[in-house]
Amino acid sequence: MGGAEFPADASSVGRFRLPKSRLIRRGSEIVRTRRKGRRVTGHHVEVFLVSSPALHPRVGIVVPKWGHN
């Protein structure tokens, strides 16, 4: 199966972390992305895309509470 490989143990997880400047963390940023962004859905994922005013791409991951969608 292709794609990125996941670390076998927790000690190597740090390699996959992004710096805080690359994350969408504020509620207002998340709301803006949902309102103004383009929505792409899959079977188990929903992605919102919007251009970033920053000089680099940013990412935010929102996980709903268990049993909610």
PDB file of N, CA and C in Angstrom:
ATOM      1  N   MET A   1       0.843  -1.170   0.000  1.00  0.00           N
ATOM      2  CA  MET A   1       0.000   0.000   0.000  1.00  0.00           C
ATOM      3  C   MET A   1       0.888   1.233   0.000  1.00  0.00           C
ATOM      4  N   GLY A   2       0.602   2.233  -0.857  1.00  0.00           N
ATOM      5  CA  GLY A   2       1.438   3.420  -0.979  1.00  0.00           C
ATOM      6  C   GLY A   2       1.132   4.443   0.075  1.00  0.00           C
ATOM      7  N   GLY A   3       1.860   5.547   0.034  1.00  0.00           N
ATOM      8  CA  GLY A   3       1.617   6.634   0.969  1.00  0.00           C
ATOM      9  C   GLY A   3       2.678   6.718   2.031  1.00  0.00           C
ATOM     10  N   ALA A   4       2.508   7.670   2.930  1.00  0.00           N
ATOM     11  CA  ALA A   4       3.485   7.886   3.994  1.00  0.00           C
ATOM     12  C   ALA A   4       3.412   6.759   5.008  1.00  0.00           C
ATOM     13  N   GLU A   5       4.557   6.438   5.564  1.00  0.00           N
ATOM     14  CA  GLU A   5       4.590   5.415   6.608  1.00  0.00           C
ATOM     15  C   GLU A   5       4.454   6.094   7.963  1.00  0.00           C
ATOM     16  N   PHE A   6       3.798   5.434   8.882  1.00  0.00           N
ATOM     17  CA  PHE A   6       3.606   5.972  10.210  1.00  0.00           C
ATOM     18  C   PHE A   6       4.685   5.421  11.126  1.00  0.00           C
ATOM     19  N   PRO A   7       5.066   6.196  12.155  1.00  0.00           N
ATOM     20  CA  PRO A   7       6.113   5.736  13.062  1.00  0.00           C
ATOM     21  C   PRO A   7       5.655   4.501  13.836  1.00  0.00           C
ATOM     22  N   ALA A   8       6.614   3.625  14.113  1.00  0.00           N
ATOM     23  CA  ALA A   8       6.310   2.391  14.824  1.00  0.00           C
ATOM     24  C   ALA A   8       6.159   2.621  16.319  1.00  0.00           C
ATOM     25  N   ASP A   9       6.790   3.673  16.838  1.00  0.00           N
ATOM     26  CA  ASP A   9       6.686   3.945  18.269  1.00  0.00           C
ATOM     27  C   ASP A   9       6.510   5.439  18.511  1.00  0.00           C
ATOM     28  N   ALA A  10       6.116   5.780  19.717  1.00  0.00           N
ATOM     29  CA  ALA A  10       5.808   7.177  20.047  1.00  0.00           C
ATOM     30  C   ALA A  10       7.035   8.079  20.022  1.00  0.00           C
ATOM     31  N   SER A  11       8.243   7.530  20.157  1.00  0.00           N
ATOM     32  CA  SER A  11       9.441   8.357  20.207  1.00  0.00           C
ATOM     33  C   SER A  11       9.713   9.062  18.887  1.00  0.00           C
ATOM     34  N   SER A  12       9.182   8.563  17.783  1.00  0.00           N
ATOM     35  CA  SER A  12       9.438   9.192  16.493  1.00  0.00           C
ATOM     36  C   SER A  12       8.281  10.072  16.017  1.00  0.00           C
ATOM     37  N   VAL A  13       7.252  10.245  16.836  1.00  0.00           N
ATOM     38  CA  VAL A  13       6.088  11.032  16.432  1.00  0.00           C
ATOM     39  C   VAL A  13       6.454  12.492  16.220  1.00  0.00           C
ATOM     40  N   GLY A  14       7.388  13.052  16.969  1.00  0.00           N
ATOM     41  CA  GLY A  14       7.774  14.444  16.867  1.00  0.00           C
ATOM     42  C   GLY A  14       8.193  14.860  15.470  1.00  0.00           C
ATOM     43  N   ARG A  15       8.661  13.950  14.673  1.00  0.00           N
ATOM     44  CA  ARG A  15       9.076  14.262  13.307  1.00  0.00           C
ATOM     45  C   ARG A  15       7.903  14.753  12.473  1.00  0.00           C
ATOM     46  N   PHE A  16       6.695  14.408  12.838  1.00  0.00           N
ATOM     47  CA  PHE A  16       5.516  14.707  12.036  1.00  0.00           C
ATOM     48  C   PHE A  16       4.751  15.928  12.532  1.00  0.00           C
ATOM     49  N   ARG A  17       5.282  16.634  13.508  1.00  0.00           N
ATOM     50  CA  ARG A  17       4.598  17.809  14.038  1.00  0.00           C
ATOM     51  C   ARG A  17       4.957  19.038  13.221  1.00  0.00           C
ATOM     52  N   LEU A  18       3.973  19.927  13.099  1.00  0.00           N
ATOM     53  CA  LEU A  18       4.184  21.201  12.418  1.00  0.00           C
ATOM     54  C   LEU A  18       4.431  22.287  13.458  1.00  0.00           C
ATOM     55  N   PRO A  19       5.211  23.321  13.107  1.00  0.00           N
ATOM     56  CA  PRO A  19       5.362  24.439  14.038  1.00  0.00           C
ATOM     57  C   PRO A  19       4.031  25.161  14.226  1.00  0.00           C
ATOM     58  N   LYS A  20       3.845  25.789  15.379  1.00  0.00           N
ATOM     59  CA  LYS A  20       2.582  26.465  15.684  1.00  0.00           C
ATOM     60  C   LYS A  20       2.205  27.505  14.645  1.00  0.00           C
ATOM     61  N   SER A  21       3.203  28.135  14.017  1.00  0.00           N
ATOM     62  CA  SER A  21       2.915  29.155  13.004  1.00  0.00           C
ATOM     63  C   SER A  21       2.235  28.573  11.778  1.00  0.00           C
ATOM     64  N   ARG A  22       2.312  27.271  11.598  1.00  0.00           N
ATOM     65  CA  ARG A  22       1.702  26.616  10.441  1.00  0.00           C
ATOM     66  C   ARG A  22       0.312  26.059  10.737  1.00  0.00           C
ATOM     67  N   LEU A  23      -0.157  26.225  11.963  1.00  0.00           N
ATOM     68  CA  LEU A  23      -1.450  25.661  12.354  1.00  0.00           C
ATOM     69  C   LEU A  23      -2.533  26.730  12.405  1.00  0.00           C
ATOM     70  N   ILE A  24      -3.739  26.352  12.056  1.00  0.00           N
ATOM     71  CA  ILE A  24      -4.916  27.196  12.245  1.00  0.00           C
ATOM     72  C   ILE A  24      -5.462  26.803  13.608  1.00  0.00           C
ATOM     73  N   ARG A  25      -5.353  27.702  14.575  1.00  0.00           N
ATOM     74  CA  ARG A  25      -5.682  27.341  15.950  1.00  0.00           C
ATOM     75  C   ARG A  25      -6.820  28.160  16.543  1.00  0.00           C
ATOM     76  N   ARG A  26      -6.983  29.392  16.108  1.00  0.00           N
ATOM     77  CA  ARG A  26      -8.027  30.251  16.686  1.00  0.00           C
ATOM     78  C   ARG A  26      -9.391  29.896  16.121  1.00  0.00           C
ATOM     79  N   GLY A  27     -10.387  29.983  16.974  1.00  0.00           N
ATOM     80  CA  GLY A  27     -11.748  29.710  16.535  1.00  0.00           C
ATOM     81  C   GLY A  27     -12.173  30.600  15.383  1.00  0.00           C
ATOM     82  N   SER A  28     -11.749  31.877  15.426  1.00  0.00           N
ATOM     83  CA  SER A  28     -12.125  32.812  14.358  1.00  0.00           C
ATOM     84  C   SER A  28     -11.518  32.389  13.016  1.00  0.00           C
ATOM     85  N   GLU A  29     -10.312  31.813  13.034  1.00  0.00           N
ATOM     86  CA  GLU A  29      -9.689  31.335  11.800  1.00  0.00           C
ATOM     87  C   GLU A  29     -10.418  30.115  11.248  1.00  0.00           C
ATOM     88  N   ILE A  30     -10.855  29.262  12.150  1.00  0.00           N
ATOM     89  CA  ILE A  30     -11.590  28.066  11.731  1.00  0.00           C
ATOM     90  C   ILE A  30     -12.936  28.464  11.130  1.00  0.00           C
ATOM     91  N   VAL A  31     -13.635  29.406  11.779  1.00  0.00           N
ATOM     92  CA  VAL A  31     -14.925  29.884  11.263  1.00  0.00           C
ATOM     93  C   VAL A  31     -14.737  30.520   9.895  1.00  0.00           C
ATOM     94  N   ARG A  32     -13.712  31.356   9.730  1.00  0.00           N
ATOM     95  CA  ARG A  32     -13.433  32.003   8.442  1.00  0.00           C
ATOM     96  C   ARG A  32     -13.183  30.957   7.354  1.00  0.00           C
ATOM     97  N   THR A  33     -12.418  29.954   7.684  1.00  0.00           N
ATOM     98  CA  THR A  33     -12.111  28.903   6.718  1.00  0.00           C
ATOM     99  C   THR A  33     -13.374  28.158   6.305  1.00  0.00           C
ATOM    100  N   ARG A  34     -14.231  27.860   7.251  1.00  0.00           N
ATOM    101  CA  ARG A  34     -15.474  27.156   6.927  1.00  0.00           C
ATOM    102  C   ARG A  34     -16.417  28.015   6.103  1.00  0.00           C
ATOM    103  N   ARG A  35     -16.470  29.315   6.391  1.00  0.00           N
ATOM    104  CA  ARG A  35     -17.391  30.211   5.672  1.00  0.00           C
ATOM    105  C   ARG A  35     -16.904  30.563   4.272  1.00  0.00           C
ATOM    106  N   LYS A  36     -15.621  30.865   4.142  1.00  0.00           N
ATOM    107  CA  LYS A  36     -15.100  31.377   2.877  1.00  0.00           C
ATOM    108  C   LYS A  36     -14.397  30.316   2.035  1.00  0.00           C
ATOM    109  N   GLY A  37     -14.091  29.185   2.639  1.00  0.00           N
ATOM    110  CA  GLY A  37     -13.324  28.169   1.937  1.00  0.00           C
ATOM    111  C   GLY A  37     -14.157  27.268   1.047  1.00  0.00           C
ATOM    112  N   ARG A  38     -13.467  26.523   0.216  1.00  0.00           N
ATOM    113  CA  ARG A  38     -14.099  25.529  -0.634  1.00  0.00           C
ATOM    114  C   ARG A  38     -14.159  24.213   0.136  1.00  0.00           C
ATOM    115  N   ARG A  39     -15.268  23.527   0.067  1.00  0.00           N
ATOM    116  CA  ARG A  39     -15.481  22.291   0.825  1.00  0.00           C
ATOM    117  C   ARG A  39     -15.273  21.085  -0.082  1.00  0.00           C
ATOM    118  N   VAL A  40     -14.471  20.152   0.406  1.00  0.00           N
ATOM    119  CA  VAL A  40     -14.229  18.895  -0.295  1.00  0.00           C
ATOM    120  C   VAL A  40     -14.533  17.779   0.702  1.00  0.00           C
ATOM    121  N   THR A  41     -15.390  16.843   0.320  1.00  0.00           N
ATOM    122  CA  THR A  41     -15.756  15.774   1.248  1.00  0.00           C
ATOM    123  C   THR A  41     -15.380  14.409   0.707  1.00  0.00           C
ATOM    124  N   GLY A  42     -15.121  13.531   1.634  1.00  0.00           N
ATOM    125  CA  GLY A  42     -14.853  12.138   1.331  1.00  0.00           C
ATOM    126  C   GLY A  42     -15.716  11.286   2.244  1.00  0.00           C
ATOM    127  N   HIS A  43     -15.506  10.000   2.230  1.00  0.00           N
ATOM    128  CA  HIS A  43     -16.325   9.098   3.039  1.00  0.00           C
ATOM    129  C   HIS A  43     -16.145   9.358   4.535  1.00  0.00           C
ATOM    130  N   HIS A  44     -14.909   9.606   4.963  1.00  0.00           N
ATOM    131  CA  HIS A  44     -14.638   9.800   6.392  1.00  0.00           C
ATOM    132  C   HIS A  44     -13.983  11.138   6.709  1.00  0.00           C
ATOM    133  N   VAL A  45     -13.969  12.053   5.742  1.00  0.00           N
ATOM    134  CA  VAL A  45     -13.277  13.315   5.974  1.00  0.00           C
ATOM    135  C   VAL A  45     -13.991  14.461   5.256  1.00  0.00           C
ATOM    136  N   GLU A  46     -13.884  15.631   5.846  1.00  0.00           N
ATOM    137  CA  GLU A  46     -14.421  16.846   5.258  1.00  0.00           C
ATOM    138  C   GLU A  46     -13.302  17.888   5.350  1.00  0.00           C
ATOM    139  N   VAL A  47     -12.911  18.463   4.216  1.00  0.00           N
ATOM    140  CA  VAL A  47     -11.789  19.388   4.160  1.00  0.00           C
ATOM    141  C   VAL A  47     -12.276  20.728   3.618  1.00  0.00           C
ATOM    142  N   PHE A  48     -11.842  21.806   4.256  1.00  0.00           N
ATOM    143  CA  PHE A  48     -12.143  23.152   3.783  1.00  0.00           C
ATOM    144  C   PHE A  48     -10.838  23.798   3.349  1.00  0.00           C
ATOM    145  N   LEU A  49     -10.831  24.364   2.153  1.00  0.00           N
ATOM    146  CA  LEU A  49      -9.640  24.985   1.592  1.00  0.00           C
ATOM    147  C   LEU A  49      -9.880  26.472   1.386  1.00  0.00           C
ATOM    148  N   VAL A  50      -8.918  27.289   1.787  1.00  0.00           N
ATOM    149  CA  VAL A  50      -9.003  28.737   1.582  1.00  0.00           C
ATOM    150  C   VAL A  50      -7.578  29.265   1.461  1.00  0.00           C
ATOM    151  N   SER A  51      -7.390  30.300   0.644  1.00  0.00           N
ATOM    152  CA  SER A  51      -6.044  30.851   0.507  1.00  0.00           C
ATOM    153  C   SER A  51      -5.609  31.473   1.829  1.00  0.00           C
ATOM    154  N   SER A  52      -4.322  31.393   2.099  1.00  0.00           N
ATOM    155  CA  SER A  52      -3.775  31.866   3.361  1.00  0.00           C
ATOM    156  C   SER A  52      -3.100  33.217   3.172  1.00  0.00           C
ATOM    157  N   PRO A  53      -3.337  34.164   4.086  1.00  0.00           N
ATOM    158  CA  PRO A  53      -2.619  35.435   4.012  1.00  0.00           C
ATOM    159  C   PRO A  53      -1.153  35.279   4.419  1.00  0.00           C
ATOM    160  N   ALA A  54      -0.804  34.159   5.034  1.00  0.00           N
ATOM    161  CA  ALA A  54       0.584  33.889   5.429  1.00  0.00           C
ATOM    162  C   ALA A  54       1.401  33.532   4.187  1.00  0.00           C
ATOM    163  N   LEU A  55       2.697  33.566   4.319  1.00  0.00           N
ATOM    164  CA  LEU A  55       3.577  33.246   3.198  1.00  0.00           C
ATOM    165  C   LEU A  55       3.775  31.743   3.014  1.00  0.00           C
ATOM    166  N   HIS A  56       3.145  30.954   3.849  1.00  0.00           N
ATOM    167  CA  HIS A  56       3.273  29.506   3.785  1.00  0.00           C
ATOM    168  C   HIS A  56       1.899  28.869   4.007  1.00  0.00           C
ATOM    169  N   PRO A  57       1.713  27.633   3.553  1.00  0.00           N
ATOM    170  CA  PRO A  57       0.427  26.964   3.793  1.00  0.00           C
ATOM    171  C   PRO A  57       0.239  26.688   5.287  1.00  0.00           C
ATOM    172  N   ARG A  58      -1.028  26.666   5.713  1.00  0.00           N
ATOM    173  CA  ARG A  58      -1.355  26.369   7.109  1.00  0.00           C
ATOM    174  C   ARG A  58      -2.410  25.279   7.123  1.00  0.00           C
ATOM    175  N   VAL A  59      -2.489  24.553   8.230  1.00  0.00           N
ATOM    176  CA  VAL A  59      -3.437  23.455   8.337  1.00  0.00           C
ATOM    177  C   VAL A  59      -4.108  23.486   9.708  1.00  0.00           C
ATOM    178  N   GLY A  60      -5.369  23.088   9.719  1.00  0.00           N
ATOM    179  CA  GLY A  60      -6.108  22.939  10.961  1.00  0.00           C
ATOM    180  C   GLY A  60      -6.930  21.663  10.875  1.00  0.00           C
ATOM    181  N   ILE A  61      -6.914  20.886  11.918  1.00  0.00           N
ATOM    182  CA  ILE A  61      -7.668  19.634  11.937  1.00  0.00           C
ATOM    183  C   ILE A  61      -8.663  19.721  13.085  1.00  0.00           C
ATOM    184  N   VAL A  62      -9.934  19.543  12.759  1.00  0.00           N
ATOM    185  CA  VAL A  62     -10.991  19.590  13.756  1.00  0.00           C
ATOM    186  C   VAL A  62     -11.597  18.205  13.847  1.00  0.00           C
ATOM    187  N   VAL A  63     -11.618  17.665  15.047  1.00  0.00           N
ATOM    188  CA  VAL A  63     -12.172  16.338  15.268  1.00  0.00           C
ATOM    189  C   VAL A  63     -13.441  16.479  16.097  1.00  0.00           C
ATOM    190  N   PRO A  64     -14.589  16.024  15.568  1.00  0.00           N
ATOM    191  CA  PRO A  64     -15.825  16.159  16.343  1.00  0.00           C
ATOM    192  C   PRO A  64     -15.821  15.250  17.562  1.00  0.00           C
ATOM    193  N   LYS A  65     -16.639  15.610  18.530  1.00  0.00           N
ATOM    194  CA  LYS A  65     -16.792  14.752  19.701  1.00  0.00           C
ATOM    195  C   LYS A  65     -17.347  13.407  19.259  1.00  0.00           C
ATOM    196  N   TRP A  66     -17.029  12.367  19.986  1.00  0.00           N
ATOM    197  CA  TRP A  66     -17.472  11.031  19.644  1.00  0.00           C
ATOM    198  C   TRP A  66     -18.979  10.982  19.550  1.00  0.00           C
ATOM    199  N   GLY A  67     -19.481  10.406  18.474  1.00  0.00           N
ATOM    200  CA  GLY A  67     -20.917  10.263  18.272  1.00  0.00           C
ATOM    201  C   GLY A  67     -21.573  11.464  17.622  1.00  0.00           C
ATOM    202  N   HIS A  68     -20.821  12.526  17.360  1.00  0.00           N
ATOM    203  CA  HIS A  68     -21.364  13.719  16.699  1.00  0.00           C
ATOM    204  C   HIS A  68     -20.721  13.847  15.333  1.00  0.00           C
ATOM    205  N   ASN A  69     -21.434  14.433  14.407  1.00  0.00           N
ATOM    206  CA  ASN A  69     -20.822  14.679  13.090  1.00  0.00           C
ATOM    207  C   ASN A  69     -21.324  15.948  12.491  1.00  0.00           C
TER     208      ASN A  69
END
